[in-house]
Amino acid sequence: MANHKSALKRARQSKVRRIRNLGYKTRAKHAVKEVRTAVEEASQEKAGEKLVEATASLQKAACKGVIHKKNAARRISRLARQVNQVTSS
């Protein structure tokens, strides 16, 4: 455990930030899961709406530094490709 005043503060900040980051990550994961379930159901409109929500949550997580920006871009690209396959078939 930390002994110095600054180290104690750093530990408190890290704990708060870890919890906050976990929320961003969880929201993004749930949004991605909703898109995938909509794709499995083959509902075009629902998949499109959920894709917009997932894109926003992934970009927000990337902006906050929770996930890497290229990781978010890759996930968004793959989800968009899945949604486009549903709409084309």
Protein backbone atom coordinates (compact mmCIF):
# COMPACT_ATOMS: atom_id res chain seq x y z
CA MET A 1 0.00 0.00 0.00
CA ALA A 2 1.11 3.56 -0.66
CA ASN A 3 2.68 5.55 2.17
CA HIS A 4 3.26 9.03 0.77
CA LYS A 5 0.48 11.58 0.51
CA SER A 6 0.83 11.87 -3.26
CA ALA A 7 0.87 8.09 -3.68
CA LEU A 8 -2.30 7.75 -1.61
CA LYS A 9 -4.01 10.33 -3.79
CA ARG A 10 -2.80 8.55 -6.93
CA ALA A 11 -4.28 5.28 -5.61
CA ARG A 12 -7.65 6.98 -4.97
CA GLN A 13 -7.67 8.52 -8.44
CA SER A 14 -6.75 5.23 -10.07
CA LYS A 15 -9.62 3.46 -8.32
CA VAL A 16 -12.17 6.08 -9.43
CA ARG A 17 -10.88 6.08 -13.00
CA ARG A 18 -10.86 2.28 -13.19
CA ILE A 19 -14.53 2.17 -12.21
CA ARG A 20 -15.41 4.93 -14.68
CA ASN A 21 -13.50 3.23 -17.50
CA LEU A 22 -15.22 -0.06 -16.72
CA GLY A 23 -18.56 1.64 -17.33
CA TYR A 24 -17.50 2.92 -20.75
CA LYS A 25 -16.17 -0.49 -21.70
CA THR A 26 -19.32 -2.28 -20.51
CA ARG A 27 -21.62 0.09 -22.41
CA ALA A 28 -19.61 -0.47 -25.59
CA LYS A 29 -19.69 -4.24 -25.18
CA HIS A 30 -23.44 -4.28 -24.63
CA ALA A 31 -24.00 -2.09 -27.68
CA VAL A 32 -21.90 -4.41 -29.84
CA LYS A 33 -23.82 -7.41 -28.54
CA GLU A 34 -27.15 -5.76 -29.42
CA VAL A 35 -25.95 -5.18 -32.98
CA ARG A 36 -24.88 -8.80 -33.31
CA THR A 37 -28.21 -10.12 -32.02
CA ALA A 38 -30.05 -7.82 -34.45
CA VAL A 39 -27.90 -9.17 -37.29
CA GLU A 40 -28.70 -12.76 -36.26
CA GLU A 41 -32.41 -11.92 -36.27
CA ALA A 42 -31.89 -10.43 -39.76
CA SER A 43 -33.85 -7.28 -38.93
CA GLN A 44 -32.44 -4.50 -41.09
CA GLU A 45 -33.93 -1.48 -39.32
CA LYS A 46 -33.08 -2.66 -35.82
CA ALA A 47 -29.53 -3.55 -36.84
CA GLY A 48 -29.05 -0.13 -38.41
CA GLU A 49 -30.30 1.68 -35.30
CA LYS A 50 -28.18 -0.44 -32.99
CA LEU A 51 -25.14 0.14 -35.22
CA VAL A 52 -25.46 3.89 -34.72
CA GLU A 53 -25.62 3.43 -30.93
CA ALA A 54 -22.67 1.02 -30.94
CA THR A 55 -20.61 3.38 -33.09
CA ALA A 56 -21.22 6.23 -30.66
CA SER A 57 -20.33 4.19 -27.59
CA LEU A 58 -17.19 2.74 -29.19
CA GLN A 59 -16.02 6.16 -30.35
CA LYS A 60 -16.65 7.62 -26.91
CA ALA A 61 -14.65 4.81 -25.27
CA ALA A 62 -11.81 5.45 -27.73
CA CYS A 63 -11.95 9.19 -27.13
CA LYS A 64 -11.68 8.64 -23.37
CA GLY A 65 -8.72 6.31 -23.87
CA VAL A 66 -10.49 3.21 -22.57
CA ILE A 67 -9.80 1.34 -25.80
CA HIS A 68 -7.39 2.19 -28.57
CA LYS A 69 -8.73 4.33 -31.41
CA LYS A 70 -7.77 1.80 -34.07
CA ASN A 71 -9.42 -0.96 -32.03
CA ALA A 72 -12.65 1.04 -32.04
CA ALA A 73 -12.36 1.71 -35.77
CA ARG A 74 -11.82 -1.99 -36.47
CA ARG A 75 -14.85 -3.01 -34.41
CA ILE A 76 -17.06 -0.39 -36.04
CA SER A 77 -15.91 -1.49 -39.49
CA ARG A 78 -16.65 -5.14 -38.80
CA LEU A 79 -20.07 -4.36 -37.36
CA ALA A 80 -20.94 -2.17 -40.34
CA ARG A 81 -19.89 -4.94 -42.69
CA GLN A 82 -22.17 -7.42 -40.87
CA VAL A 83 -25.11 -5.01 -40.98
CA ASN A 84 -24.53 -4.36 -44.69
CA GLN A 85 -24.57 -8.10 -45.39
CA VAL A 86 -27.98 -8.33 -43.71
CA THR A 87 -29.36 -5.48 -45.79
CA SER A 88 -27.99 -6.86 -49.06
CA SER A 89 -29.31 -10.40 -48.59
